Amino acid sequence: MGVTKMGDGRWEISGVFGYVLQGYGYPTQARLDDPPLTMFPYRRLVVWQRAHHAALAIYALSKQLPAEERFGLIVQLRRAAFSVPTNIAEGSKRLTQRDFAHFVNIAETSATEVDYLLELITDLGMLPAEVTAPLRKEYDEICRMLNRFRARLSAAG
């Protein structure tokens, strides 16, 4: 798993990242009418699956950042990335849908933070846009999924 600059100038991201962008590995989709919604098996949520794989991709990508960022951007980027699936998992075990929606909202804000940090990394010239753009697109979609999920949880509870 990693980021490699190819001889023709293209960037290739191998391992989990390609897996995420190809859309494989999401066999089940949670439905809001699956009883009960609280105490929900979070691994069945497509948004959790995508967030988990995106977090793995962030870890691979962060290894390509300058070593002097080890205690700065790298730590912040990784924490924000694993905060997304972590908050979905934690929220799924809350007793009310309102509490679950709150944790989904926290996950959404963390996904937005990852998107911004990827933009910053690109603007600072640490990685080219060709490397960060696919992950930014994935996090944008994760944010949309979280937003819809939170709205449905809030409406149901």
Protein backbone atom coordinates (compact mmCIF):
# COMPACT_ATOMS: atom_id res chain seq x y z
CA MET A 1 0.00 0.00 0.00
CA GLY A 2 1.50 3.33 -1.00
CA VAL A 3 1.93 6.21 -3.40
CA THR A 4 4.39 5.91 -6.26
CA LYS A 5 5.37 8.35 -9.00
CA MET A 6 5.41 6.47 -12.28
CA GLY A 7 8.02 6.98 -15.02
CA ASP A 8 5.49 8.76 -17.24
CA GLY A 9 4.79 11.36 -14.54
CA ARG A 10 1.51 9.84 -13.32
CA TRP A 11 0.95 8.97 -9.67
CA GLU A 12 -0.25 5.52 -8.71
CA ILE A 13 -1.86 4.70 -5.42
CA SER A 14 -1.81 1.00 -4.67
CA GLY A 15 -3.45 -1.17 -2.09
CA VAL A 16 -6.51 -0.08 -0.16
CA PHE A 17 -6.87 3.27 -1.90
CA GLY A 18 -7.50 1.78 -5.34
CA TYR A 19 -9.89 -0.65 -3.70
CA VAL A 20 -11.91 2.23 -2.27
CA LEU A 21 -12.11 4.15 -5.51
CA GLN A 22 -13.09 1.11 -7.53
CA GLY A 23 -16.05 0.67 -5.22
CA TYR A 24 -15.52 -2.98 -4.39
CA GLY A 25 -16.08 -4.54 -1.01
CA TYR A 26 -19.37 -2.96 -0.02
CA PRO A 27 -21.70 -5.96 -0.23
CA THR A 28 -24.32 -4.92 2.27
CA GLN A 29 -26.16 -1.70 2.79
CA ALA A 30 -27.85 -0.78 6.03
CA ARG A 31 -31.46 0.31 5.84
CA LEU A 32 -33.11 2.57 8.35
CA ASP A 33 -35.95 0.11 8.83
CA ASP A 34 -33.55 -2.60 10.03
CA PRO A 35 -34.64 -3.04 13.68
CA PRO A 36 -33.36 -1.74 15.97
CA LEU A 37 -31.49 1.25 14.58
CA THR A 38 -29.67 1.83 17.82
CA MET A 39 -27.19 -0.86 18.74
CA PHE A 40 -26.72 -1.22 14.99
CA PRO A 41 -23.91 -3.42 13.65
CA TYR A 42 -21.82 -0.57 12.25
CA ARG A 43 -19.76 -2.83 9.96
CA ARG A 44 -22.89 -3.25 7.80
CA LEU A 45 -23.05 0.50 7.10
CA VAL A 46 -21.65 1.27 3.67
CA VAL A 47 -20.57 4.70 4.87
CA TRP A 48 -18.54 3.11 7.69
CA GLN A 49 -16.93 0.70 5.21
CA ARG A 50 -15.96 3.54 2.90
CA ALA A 51 -14.69 5.68 5.78
CA HIS A 52 -12.63 2.77 7.12
CA HIS A 53 -10.98 2.12 3.75
CA ALA A 54 -10.41 5.84 3.21
CA ALA A 55 -8.70 6.04 6.63
CA LEU A 56 -6.40 3.19 5.60
CA ALA A 57 -5.63 5.08 2.40
CA ILE A 58 -4.83 8.23 4.42
CA TYR A 59 -2.33 6.23 6.47
CA ALA A 60 -0.63 5.05 3.27
CA LEU A 61 -0.68 8.53 1.77
CA SER A 62 0.68 10.16 4.94
CA LYS A 63 3.85 8.07 4.66
CA GLN A 64 4.70 10.14 1.57
CA LEU A 65 4.69 13.42 3.51
CA PRO A 66 7.92 15.05 4.70
CA ALA A 67 9.36 13.60 7.93
CA GLU A 68 9.34 17.03 9.59
CA GLU A 69 5.52 16.89 9.47
CA ARG A 70 5.48 13.73 11.61
CA PHE A 71 4.19 15.67 14.64
CA GLY A 72 2.18 18.23 12.69
CA LEU A 73 0.10 17.61 9.61
CA ILE A 74 0.59 13.84 9.61
CA VAL A 75 -0.79 13.41 13.13
CA GLN A 76 -3.69 15.80 12.48
CA LEU A 77 -4.56 14.14 9.16
CA ARG A 78 -4.48 10.63 10.62
CA ARG A 79 -6.54 11.57 13.67
CA ALA A 80 -9.20 13.23 11.56
CA ALA A 81 -9.25 10.22 9.18
CA PHE A 82 -9.75 7.57 11.85
CA SER A 83 -12.21 9.80 13.69
CA VAL A 84 -14.76 9.29 10.88
CA PRO A 85 -15.28 5.50 11.17
CA THR A 86 -14.64 5.62 14.92
CA ASN A 87 -17.52 8.05 15.53
CA ILE A 88 -19.84 6.05 13.30
CA ALA A 89 -18.99 2.91 15.28
CA GLU A 90 -19.39 4.63 18.65
CA GLY A 91 -22.64 6.31 17.66
CA SER A 92 -24.12 3.04 16.47
CA LYS A 93 -24.04 1.78 20.06
CA ARG A 94 -25.84 4.78 21.56
CA LEU A 95 -29.27 4.24 23.02
CA THR A 96 -31.17 6.81 20.95
CA GLN A 97 -31.25 7.78 17.32
CA ARG A 98 -30.67 11.38 18.36
CA ASP A 99 -27.39 10.37 20.04
CA PHE A 100 -26.42 8.31 17.00
CA ALA A 101 -27.14 11.33 14.75
CA HIS A 102 -24.86 13.46 16.97
CA PHE A 103 -21.94 11.06 16.44
CA VAL A 104 -22.64 10.90 12.71
CA ASN A 105 -22.40 14.71 12.71
CA ILE A 106 -19.02 14.52 14.45
CA ALA A 107 -17.89 12.02 11.80
CA GLU A 108 -19.06 14.42 9.10
CA THR A 109 -17.03 17.29 10.56
CA SER A 110 -13.94 15.05 10.76
CA ALA A 111 -14.37 14.04 7.10
CA THR A 112 -14.52 17.74 6.19
CA GLU A 113 -11.33 18.29 8.19
CA VAL A 114 -9.57 15.54 6.21
CA ASP A 115 -10.68 17.17 2.96
CA TYR A 116 -9.27 20.53 4.06
CA LEU A 117 -5.97 19.01 5.23
CA LEU A 118 -5.58 17.29 1.85
CA GLU A 119 -6.16 20.66 0.18
CA LEU A 120 -3.56 22.27 2.46
CA ILE A 121 -1.03 19.52 1.71
CA THR A 122 -1.52 20.16 -2.00
CA ASP A 123 -1.33 23.95 -1.67
CA LEU A 124 1.88 23.66 0.37
CA GLY A 125 3.38 21.57 -2.45
CA MET A 126 3.87 18.46 -0.33
CA LEU A 127 1.91 16.25 -2.73
CA PRO A 128 0.53 17.00 -6.18
CA ALA A 129 -3.20 17.39 -6.79
CA GLU A 130 -3.19 14.18 -8.87
CA VAL A 131 -2.47 12.29 -5.64
CA THR A 132 -4.82 14.09 -3.28
CA ALA A 133 -7.77 14.72 -5.64
CA PRO A 134 -9.11 11.13 -5.66
CA LEU A 135 -9.08 11.01 -1.86
CA ARG A 136 -10.71 14.43 -1.64
CA LYS A 137 -13.43 13.17 -3.95
CA GLU A 138 -13.92 10.08 -1.77
CA TYR A 139 -14.19 12.20 1.38
CA ASP A 140 -16.65 14.51 -0.35
CA GLU A 141 -18.85 11.50 -1.08
CA ILE A 142 -18.45 10.22 2.47
CA CYS A 143 -19.58 13.66 3.73
CA ARG A 144 -22.66 13.49 1.51
CA MET A 145 -23.50 10.00 2.74
CA LEU A 146 -23.05 11.07 6.36
CA ASN A 147 -25.21 14.14 5.83
CA ARG A 148 -28.04 12.07 4.37
CA PHE A 149 -27.69 9.44 7.07
CA ARG A 150 -27.73 12.04 9.86
CA ALA A 151 -30.81 13.72 8.38
CA ARG A 152 -32.65 10.39 8.23
CA LEU A 153 -31.63 9.52 11.78
CA SER A 154 -32.80 12.92 13.02
CA ALA A 155 -36.12 12.63 11.18
CA ALA A 156 -36.73 9.13 12.54
CA GLY A 157 -35.87 9.99 16.12
